[in-house]
C-alpha atoms as a PDB file:
ATOM      1  CA  MET A   1     216.253  26.273 -89.733  1.00  0.00           C
ATOM      2  CA  LYS A   2     217.622  29.969 -90.103  1.00  0.00           C
ATOM      3  CA  THR A   3     215.471  31.197 -88.059  1.00  0.00           C
ATOM      4  CA  LEU A   4     211.735  30.336 -86.235  1.00  0.00           C
ATOM      5  CA  THR A   5     208.996  30.066 -89.309  1.00  0.00           C
ATOM      6  CA  LYS A   6     205.496  29.400 -88.879  1.00  0.00           C
ATOM      7  CA  PHE A   7     205.171  26.368 -86.692  1.00  0.00           C
ATOM      8  CA  ALA A   8     208.152  27.289 -85.149  1.00  0.00           C
ATOM      9  CA  VAL A   9     208.711  24.864 -81.957  1.00  0.00           C
ATOM     10  CA  ILE A  10     208.101  22.115 -85.140  1.00  0.00           C
ATOM     11  CA  ALA A  11     211.024  23.231 -86.946  1.00  0.00           C
ATOM     12  CA  ALA A  12     213.031  23.250 -83.620  1.00  0.00           C
ATOM     13  CA  PHE A  13     211.958  19.499 -83.312  1.00  0.00           C
ATOM     14  CA  SER A  14     213.365  18.631 -86.449  1.00  0.00           C
ATOM     15  CA  ALA A  15     216.736  19.756 -85.580  1.00  0.00           C
ATOM     16  CA  SER A  16     217.167  17.550 -82.613  1.00  0.00           C
ATOM     17  CA  ALA A  17     215.910  13.618 -82.480  1.00  0.00           C
ATOM     18  CA  SER A  18     215.329  13.811 -78.685  1.00  0.00           C
ATOM     19  CA  LEU A  19     212.829  16.428 -79.441  1.00  0.00           C
ATOM     20  CA  ALA A  20     211.719  15.120 -82.472  1.00  0.00           C
ATOM     21  CA  GLN A  21     210.908  11.821 -80.322  1.00  0.00           C
ATOM     22  CA  ALA A  22     208.570  14.395 -78.260  1.00  0.00           C
ATOM     23  CA  VAL A  23     205.775  14.709 -80.149  1.00  0.00           C
ATOM     24  CA  ASP A  24     203.822  11.378 -81.206  1.00  0.00           C
ATOM     25  CA  LEU A  25     200.976  12.499 -82.897  1.00  0.00           C
ATOM     26  CA  LYS A  26     198.431  10.136 -80.671  1.00  0.00           C
ATOM     27  CA  GLY A  27     200.835   7.320 -81.902  1.00  0.00           C
ATOM     28  CA  LEU A  28     200.766   8.032 -85.556  1.00  0.00           C
ATOM     29  CA  LEU A  29     204.219   8.126 -86.228  1.00  0.00           C
ATOM     30  CA  GLY A  30     205.121   5.138 -83.558  1.00  0.00           C
ATOM     31  CA  ALA A  31     207.409   2.776 -84.688  1.00  0.00           C
ATOM     32  CA  GLY A  32     205.006   0.258 -86.544  1.00  0.00           C
ATOM     33  CA  ALA A  33     202.667   3.155 -88.006  1.00  0.00           C
ATOM     34  CA  ASP A  34     203.262   2.428 -92.073  1.00  0.00           C
ATOM     35  CA  LEU A  35     201.990   4.289 -94.737  1.00  0.00           C
ATOM     36  CA  ALA A  36     198.729   2.485 -95.491  1.00  0.00           C
ATOM     37  CA  LYS A  37     197.830   3.902 -92.391  1.00  0.00           C
ATOM     38  CA  ALA A  38     198.457   7.240 -92.658  1.00  0.00           C
ATOM     39  CA  ALA A  39     197.042   7.569 -96.191  1.00  0.00           C
ATOM     40  CA  SER A  40     193.578   5.974 -94.467  1.00  0.00           C
ATOM     41  CA  LEU A  41     193.898   8.777 -91.630  1.00  0.00           C
ATOM     42  CA  SER A  42     190.628  10.121 -90.899  1.00  0.00           C
ATOM     43  CA  ASP A  43     189.966  14.073 -90.337  1.00  0.00           C
ATOM     44  CA  ALA A  44     189.465  13.513 -86.841  1.00  0.00           C
ATOM     45  CA  ASP A  45     192.534  11.575 -86.715  1.00  0.00           C
ATOM     46  CA  ILE A  46     194.214  14.516 -88.081  1.00  0.00           C
ATOM     47  CA  ILE A  47     192.584  17.154 -85.483  1.00  0.00           C
ATOM     48  CA  ALA A  48     193.344  15.062 -82.672  1.00  0.00           C
ATOM     49  CA  GLY A  49     196.900  14.571 -83.820  1.00  0.00           C
ATOM     50  CA  SER A  50     197.223  18.482 -84.152  1.00  0.00           C
ATOM     51  CA  ARG A  51     195.780  18.973 -80.493  1.00  0.00           C
ATOM     52  CA  ASP A  52     198.282  16.706 -79.244  1.00  0.00           C
ATOM     53  CA  MET A  53     200.835  18.296 -81.199  1.00  0.00           C
ATOM     54  CA  MET A  54     199.919  22.028 -80.373  1.00  0.00           C
ATOM     55  CA  VAL A  55     200.087  20.613 -76.229  1.00  0.00           C
ATOM     56  CA  GLN A  56     203.634  20.326 -77.408  1.00  0.00           C
ATOM     57  CA  MET A  57     204.433  23.595 -78.946  1.00  0.00           C
ATOM     58  CA  ASP A  58     203.257  25.584 -76.365  1.00  0.00           C
ATOM     59  CA  GLU A  59     205.374  24.090 -73.768  1.00  0.00           C
ATOM     60  CA  MET A  60     208.355  24.635 -75.839  1.00  0.00           C
ATOM     61  CA  ASN A  61     207.605  27.991 -76.990  1.00  0.00           C
ATOM     62  CA  PRO A  62     207.189  31.180 -74.584  1.00  0.00           C
ATOM     63  CA  VAL A  63     203.900  31.521 -74.241  1.00  0.00           C
ATOM     64  CA  ALA A  64     202.639  35.142 -73.324  1.00  0.00           C
ATOM     65  CA  PRO A  65     201.199  35.165 -69.444  1.00  0.00           C
ATOM     66  CA  PRO A  66     197.196  36.009 -69.151  1.00  0.00           C
ATOM     67  CA  GLY A  67     198.207  38.979 -67.530  1.00  0.00           C
ATOM     68  CA  SER A  68     200.862  40.410 -70.156  1.00  0.00           C
ATOM     69  CA  ASP A  69     200.189  43.262 -72.545  1.00  0.00           C
ATOM     70  CA  TYR A  70     200.691  41.269 -75.402  1.00  0.00           C
ATOM     71  CA  ALA A  71     198.462  38.033 -74.103  1.00  0.00           C
ATOM     72  CA  LYS A  72     195.630  41.172 -73.203  1.00  0.00           C
ATOM     73  CA  ARG A  73     195.779  42.323 -76.534  1.00  0.00           C
ATOM     74  CA  LEU A  74     195.346  39.280 -78.577  1.00  0.00           C
ATOM     75  CA  ALA A  75     192.499  38.287 -76.253  1.00  0.00           C
ATOM     76  CA  ARG A  76     191.130  42.028 -76.756  1.00  0.00           C
ATOM     77  CA  LEU A  77     190.962  41.465 -80.348  1.00  0.00           C
ATOM     78  CA  THR A  78     189.827  37.667 -80.662  1.00  0.00           C
ATOM     79  CA  ARG A  79     187.173  38.668 -78.190  1.00  0.00           C
ATOM     80  CA  GLY A  80     183.581  36.320 -79.078  1.00  0.00           C
ATOM     81  CA  LEU A  81     185.689  34.697 -81.689  1.00  0.00           C
ATOM     82  CA  GLU A  82     186.060  31.152 -79.502  1.00  0.00           C
ATOM     83  CA  ASN A  83     183.495  29.451 -81.945  1.00  0.00           C
ATOM     84  CA  GLU A  84     184.308  31.257 -85.756  1.00  0.00           C
ATOM     85  CA  ASP A  85     182.405  29.791 -88.610  1.00  0.00           C
ATOM     86  CA  GLY A  86     181.687  26.248 -86.167  1.00  0.00           C
ATOM     87  CA  LEU A  87     185.576  25.925 -85.640  1.00  0.00           C
ATOM     88  CA  LYS A  88     186.137  26.086 -82.156  1.00  0.00           C
ATOM     89  CA  LEU A  89     189.361  28.392 -81.641  1.00  0.00           C
ATOM     90  CA  ASN A  90     191.835  28.809 -79.052  1.00  0.00           C
ATOM     91  CA  PHE A  91     194.340  31.720 -79.086  1.00  0.00           C
ATOM     92  CA  ALA A  92     197.824  32.462 -77.967  1.00  0.00           C
ATOM     93  CA  VAL A  93     200.900  34.773 -78.299  1.00  0.00           C
ATOM     94  CA  TYR A  94     204.367  33.144 -78.692  1.00  0.00           C
ATOM     95  CA  MET A  95     207.002  35.717 -77.192  1.00  0.00           C
ATOM     96  CA  VAL A  96     209.094  35.394 -80.374  1.00  0.00           C
ATOM     97  CA  ASP A  97     210.411  38.247 -82.035  1.00  0.00           C
ATOM     98  CA  GLU A  98     209.971  36.932 -85.905  1.00  0.00           C
ATOM     99  CA  VAL A  99     206.654  38.121 -87.752  1.00  0.00           C
ATOM    100  CA  ASN A 100     204.638  35.514 -88.451  1.00  0.00           C
ATOM    101  CA  ALA A 101     201.353  33.212 -87.301  1.00  0.00           C
ATOM    102  CA  PHE A 102     199.461  30.354 -87.785  1.00  0.00           C
ATOM    103  CA  ALA A 103     196.372  28.121 -87.081  1.00  0.00           C
ATOM    104  CA  THR A 104     196.384  24.374 -86.854  1.00  0.00           C
ATOM    105  CA  PRO A 105     193.576  21.766 -88.011  1.00  0.00           C
ATOM    106  CA  ASP A 106     192.140  21.570 -84.366  1.00  0.00           C
ATOM    107  CA  GLY A 107     191.715  25.622 -84.489  1.00  0.00           C
ATOM    108  CA  SER A 108     194.651  26.591 -82.554  1.00  0.00           C
ATOM    109  CA  VAL A 109     195.538  30.493 -83.301  1.00  0.00           C
ATOM    110  CA  ARG A 110     198.893  31.423 -82.096  1.00  0.00           C
ATOM    111  CA  VAL A 111     200.501  35.001 -82.970  1.00  0.00           C
ATOM    112  CA  PHE A 112     204.066  36.192 -82.682  1.00  0.00           C
ATOM    113  CA  LYS A 113     205.505  38.768 -80.704  1.00  0.00           C
ATOM    114  CA  GLY A 114     207.228  40.543 -84.030  1.00  0.00           C
ATOM    115  CA  LEU A 115     203.946  40.576 -85.747  1.00  0.00           C
ATOM    116  CA  MET A 116     202.158  42.218 -83.228  1.00  0.00           C
ATOM    117  CA  ASP A 117     204.849  44.307 -82.574  1.00  0.00           C
ATOM    118  CA  MET A 118     204.906  45.568 -86.043  1.00  0.00           C
ATOM    119  CA  MET A 119     201.028  45.655 -86.854  1.00  0.00           C
ATOM    120  CA  THR A 120     198.082  47.818 -85.723  1.00  0.00           C
ATOM    121  CA  ASP A 121     194.778  46.255 -84.189  1.00  0.00           C
ATOM    122  CA  ASP A 122     192.657  45.952 -87.494  1.00  0.00           C
ATOM    123  CA  GLU A 123     196.288  44.578 -89.193  1.00  0.00           C
ATOM    124  CA  LEU A 124     196.418  41.897 -86.934  1.00  0.00           C
ATOM    125  CA  ARG A 125     192.550  41.535 -86.932  1.00  0.00           C
ATOM    126  CA  GLY A 126     192.711  40.779 -91.056  1.00  0.00           C
ATOM    127  CA  VAL A 127     195.861  38.543 -90.460  1.00  0.00           C
ATOM    128  CA  ILE A 128     193.979  36.187 -87.957  1.00  0.00           C
ATOM    129  CA  GLY A 129     190.804  36.702 -90.097  1.00  0.00           C
ATOM    130  CA  HIS A 130     193.548  34.931 -93.149  1.00  0.00           C
ATOM    131  CA  GLU A 131     194.917  32.495 -90.700  1.00  0.00           C
ATOM    132  CA  ILE A 132     191.126  31.204 -89.794  1.00  0.00           C
ATOM    133  CA  GLY A 133     190.785  31.153 -93.494  1.00  0.00           C
ATOM    134  CA  HIS A 134     193.505  28.868 -93.613  1.00  0.00           C
ATOM    135  CA  ALA A 135     192.177  26.545 -90.724  1.00  0.00           C
ATOM    136  CA  LYS A 136     188.556  26.397 -91.813  1.00  0.00           C
ATOM    137  CA  LEU A 137     189.291  25.727 -95.481  1.00  0.00           C
ATOM    138  CA  GLY A 138     191.118  22.769 -94.869  1.00  0.00           C
ATOM    139  CA  HIS A 139     194.401  24.156 -96.123  1.00  0.00           C
ATOM    140  CA  SER A 140     195.765  23.421 -92.648  1.00  0.00           C
ATOM    141  CA  LYS A 141     194.492  19.976 -92.560  1.00  0.00           C
ATOM    142  CA  SER A 142     196.366  19.048 -96.089  1.00  0.00           C
ATOM    143  CA  GLN A 143     199.140  19.905 -94.894  1.00  0.00           C
ATOM    144  CA  MET A 144     199.289  18.052 -91.661  1.00  0.00           C
ATOM    145  CA  LYS A 145     198.556  14.844 -93.596  1.00  0.00           C
ATOM    146  CA  SER A 146     201.007  15.297 -96.570  1.00  0.00           C
ATOM    147  CA  ALA A 147     203.768  15.790 -93.549  1.00  0.00           C
ATOM    148  CA  LEU A 148     202.224  12.274 -91.977  1.00  0.00           C
ATOM    149  CA  LEU A 149     202.142  10.585 -95.877  1.00  0.00           C
ATOM    150  CA  MET A 150     205.431  11.945 -96.009  1.00  0.00           C
ATOM    151  CA  SER A 151     206.827  10.817 -92.808  1.00  0.00           C
ATOM    152  CA  ALA A 152     205.155   6.873 -93.316  1.00  0.00           C
ATOM    153  CA  GLY A 153     206.708   6.343 -96.666  1.00  0.00           C
ATOM    154  CA  THR A 154     210.092   7.275 -95.078  1.00  0.00           C
ATOM    155  CA  LYS A 155     209.621   4.748 -92.782  1.00  0.00           C
ATOM    156  CA  ALA A 156     208.104   2.445 -95.370  1.00  0.00           C
ATOM    157  CA  ALA A 157     211.745   2.531 -97.012  1.00  0.00           C
ATOM    158  CA  GLY A 158     213.517   1.609 -94.553  1.00  0.00           C
ATOM    159  CA  ALA A 159     211.864  -0.840 -92.764  1.00  0.00           C
ATOM    160  CA  THR A 160     215.043  -3.092 -92.417  1.00  0.00           C
ATOM    161  CA  ASN A 161     216.389  -0.447 -90.233  1.00  0.00           C
ATOM    162  CA  SER A 162     216.734  -0.166 -86.409  1.00  0.00           C
ATOM    163  CA  ALA A 163     212.747   0.335 -85.510  1.00  0.00           C
ATOM    164  CA  VAL A 164     213.475   3.184 -83.055  1.00  0.00           C
ATOM    165  CA  GLY A 165     215.772   5.081 -85.305  1.00  0.00           C
ATOM    166  CA  LYS A 166     213.584   5.258 -87.953  1.00  0.00           C
ATOM    167  CA  ALA A 167     210.906   6.113 -85.812  1.00  0.00           C
ATOM    168  CA  VAL A 168     213.063   9.381 -84.736  1.00  0.00           C
ATOM    169  CA  ALA A 169     213.768  10.098 -88.289  1.00  0.00           C
ATOM    170  CA  ALA A 170     209.919   9.836 -89.582  1.00  0.00           C
ATOM    171  CA  ASN A 171     209.094  12.289 -86.639  1.00  0.00           C
ATOM    172  CA  ALA A 172     212.010  14.758 -87.489  1.00  0.00           C
ATOM    173  CA  GLU A 173     210.714  14.360 -90.706  1.00  0.00           C
ATOM    174  CA  THR A 174     207.177  14.481 -90.194  1.00  0.00           C
ATOM    175  CA  ILE A 175     207.978  17.880 -88.188  1.00  0.00           C
ATOM    176  CA  GLU A 176     210.424  19.463 -91.005  1.00  0.00           C
ATOM    177  CA  ALA A 177     207.842  18.907 -94.175  1.00  0.00           C
ATOM    178  CA  PHE A 178     205.111  20.172 -91.459  1.00  0.00           C
ATOM    179  CA  ALA A 179     207.125  23.237 -90.836  1.00  0.00           C
ATOM    180  CA  ASN A 180     208.471  23.849 -94.379  1.00  0.00           C
ATOM    181  CA  ALA A 181     205.403  23.776 -96.335  1.00  0.00           C
ATOM    182  CA  GLN A 182     204.188  26.245 -98.232  1.00  0.00           C
ATOM    183  CA  PHE A 183     200.554  26.806 -99.047  1.00  0.00           C
ATOM    184  CA  SER A 184     199.240  27.441-102.613  1.00  0.00           C
ATOM    185  CA  GLN A 185     198.777  30.445-104.632  1.00  0.00           C
ATOM    186  CA  LYS A 186     195.109  29.079-104.683  1.00  0.00           C
ATOM    187  CA  ASP A 187     195.137  28.570-101.048  1.00  0.00           C
ATOM    188  CA  GLU A 188     196.522  31.716 -99.987  1.00  0.00           C
ATOM    189  CA  ILE A 189     194.153  34.166-102.551  1.00  0.00           C
ATOM    190  CA  ALA A 190     190.974  31.420-101.028  1.00  0.00           C
ATOM    191  CA  SER A 191     192.446  32.173 -97.323  1.00  0.00           C
ATOM    192  CA  ASP A 192     192.594  36.300 -98.259  1.00  0.00           C
ATOM    193  CA  ASP A 193     189.111  36.339 -99.167  1.00  0.00           C
ATOM    194  CA  TYR A 194     187.996  34.563 -96.087  1.00  0.00           C
ATOM    195  CA  GLY A 195     190.030  36.982 -94.432  1.00  0.00           C
ATOM    196  CA  PHE A 196     188.232  39.861 -96.351  1.00  0.00           C
ATOM    197  CA  GLU A 197     185.451  39.018 -95.544  1.00  0.00           C
ATOM    198  CA  PHE A 198     186.146  38.455 -91.743  1.00  0.00           C
ATOM    199  CA  MET A 199     186.678  41.770 -91.597  1.00  0.00           C
ATOM    200  CA  ARG A 200     183.687  42.714 -93.047  1.00  0.00           C
ATOM    201  CA  LYS A 201     181.332  40.162 -91.017  1.00  0.00           C
ATOM    202  CA  TYR A 202     183.009  42.140 -87.516  1.00  0.00           C
ATOM    203  CA  LYS A 203     182.660  45.098 -89.324  1.00  0.00           C
ATOM    204  CA  HIS A 204     186.626  46.209 -89.426  1.00  0.00           C
ATOM    205  CA  ASP A 205     187.927  47.390 -92.108  1.00  0.00           C
ATOM    206  CA  PRO A 206     189.129  45.469 -94.945  1.00  0.00           C
ATOM    207  CA  ALA A 207     191.645  47.368 -96.300  1.00  0.00           C
ATOM    208  CA  ALA A 208     193.998  47.099 -93.081  1.00  0.00           C
ATOM    209  CA  LEU A 209     194.532  43.495 -94.824  1.00  0.00           C
ATOM    210  CA  ALA A 210     196.110  45.546 -97.582  1.00  0.00           C
ATOM    211  CA  THR A 211     198.103  47.587 -95.240  1.00  0.00           C
ATOM    212  CA  ALA A 212     199.249  44.398 -93.292  1.00  0.00           C
ATOM    213  CA  PHE A 213     200.060  43.020 -96.611  1.00  0.00           C
ATOM    214  CA  ARG A 214     202.361  46.133 -97.315  1.00  0.00           C
ATOM    215  CA  LYS A 215     204.225  45.823 -94.276  1.00  0.00           C
ATOM    216  CA  LEU A 216     205.033  42.412 -95.014  1.00  0.00           C
ATOM    217  CA  ALA A 217     206.149  43.118 -98.726  1.00  0.00           C
ATOM    218  CA  ARG A 218     208.447  46.146 -96.850  1.00  0.00           C
ATOM    219  CA  ALA A 219     210.058  43.575 -94.195  1.00  0.00           C
ATOM    220  CA  GLY A 220     210.968  41.134 -96.574  1.00  0.00           C
ATOM    221  CA  GLY A 221     211.815  37.280 -95.780  1.00  0.00           C
ATOM    222  CA  SER A 222     211.847  33.922 -96.667  1.00  0.00           C
ATOM    223  CA  GLY A 223     211.021  29.888 -95.629  1.00  0.00           C
ATOM    224  CA  GLY A 224     208.584  27.872 -95.347  1.00  0.00           C
ATOM    225  CA  ASN A 225     205.308  28.996 -94.223  1.00  0.00           C
ATOM    226  CA  SER A 226     206.203  32.455 -93.294  1.00  0.00           C
ATOM    227  CA  LEU A 227     203.313  35.150 -93.900  1.00  0.00           C
ATOM    228  CA  MET A 228     206.454  36.806 -95.703  1.00  0.00           C
ATOM    229  CA  ALA A 229     207.244  33.902 -98.080  1.00  0.00           C
ATOM    230  CA  SER A 230     204.292  33.696 -99.382  1.00  0.00           C
ATOM    231  CA  HIS A 231     202.643  33.024-103.064  1.00  0.00           C
ATOM    232  CA  PRO A 232     201.535  35.161-104.026  1.00  0.00           C
ATOM    233  CA  ASP A 233     203.759  37.447-103.090  1.00  0.00           C
ATOM    234  CA  PRO A 234     202.578  40.272 -99.940  1.00  0.00           C
ATOM    235  CA  ALA A 235     202.617  43.302-102.183  1.00  0.00           C
ATOM    236  CA  SER A 236     200.350  41.354-105.104  1.00  0.00           C
ATOM    237  CA  ARG A 237     198.373  40.403-102.582  1.00  0.00           C
ATOM    238  CA  ALA A 238     197.337  43.754-101.028  1.00  0.00           C
ATOM    239  CA  ARG A 239     197.146  45.128-104.281  1.00  0.00           C
ATOM    240  CA  ARG A 240     194.572  42.456-105.094  1.00  0.00           C
ATOM    241  CA  VAL A 241     192.560  43.781-102.253  1.00  0.00           C
ATOM    242  CA  GLU A 242     192.933  46.973-102.880  1.00  0.00           C
ATOM    243  CA  GLU A 243     191.462  46.364-106.233  1.00  0.00           C
ATOM    244  CA  ARG A 244     188.523  44.475-104.385  1.00  0.00           C
ATOM    245  CA  LEU A 245     187.801  47.244-102.002  1.00  0.00           C
ATOM    246  CA  ALA A 246     188.043  49.887-105.310  1.00  0.00           C
ATOM    247  CA  LYS A 247     184.606  47.400-106.840  1.00  0.00           C
ATOM    248  CA  LYS A 248     182.545  47.789-103.858  1.00  0.00           C
END
């Protein structure tokens, strides 16, 4: 991995077998898991696995302490969002310079220091609303399930190999797939719309979502689920928000 991208610690895990072994996802990726079990995962299974994964991520990422300026700013911006649109949320800042943010199926929202340094308060609110949209609309859940299926498929294909060795490979495979997956254009547009309505709901300026995308477009970037590697590109998404504003 060139840099830390969305799901930063998961990507880091994939570079090390010992770290990969640390994430068990509630035992779903143990040596006895197979493709049939992964295919039958319920939403509750996926959410439980996501929650367990976030414990590991928060332990291995530099999380801003509650009294820090970054943590206090995020707490101020997300006050009242503990249960948004029926989804229980929790927030934290990763003190990583990358410009990024993500939300997982269990409602964990993580914002990177680099993004906070780049964005105004309303721009951050817009990005957070967009990421909540990915979780609320089921996009993050679909990515996690796909990653689990990939891991199970890898194990089924190599069943004659060492169970321990295959478990490590399967974990690394899942972790890397989850870190590098890209949302579809349809998913990104749906989450942009969610973010737009999120801003209107809380009486913030939805134009900030467009200026956030403009900043991302100028910054450039690539790789996996990075905010700057999405499809359509950030400049196109900014124009779409601006066109929507012009119709109001």
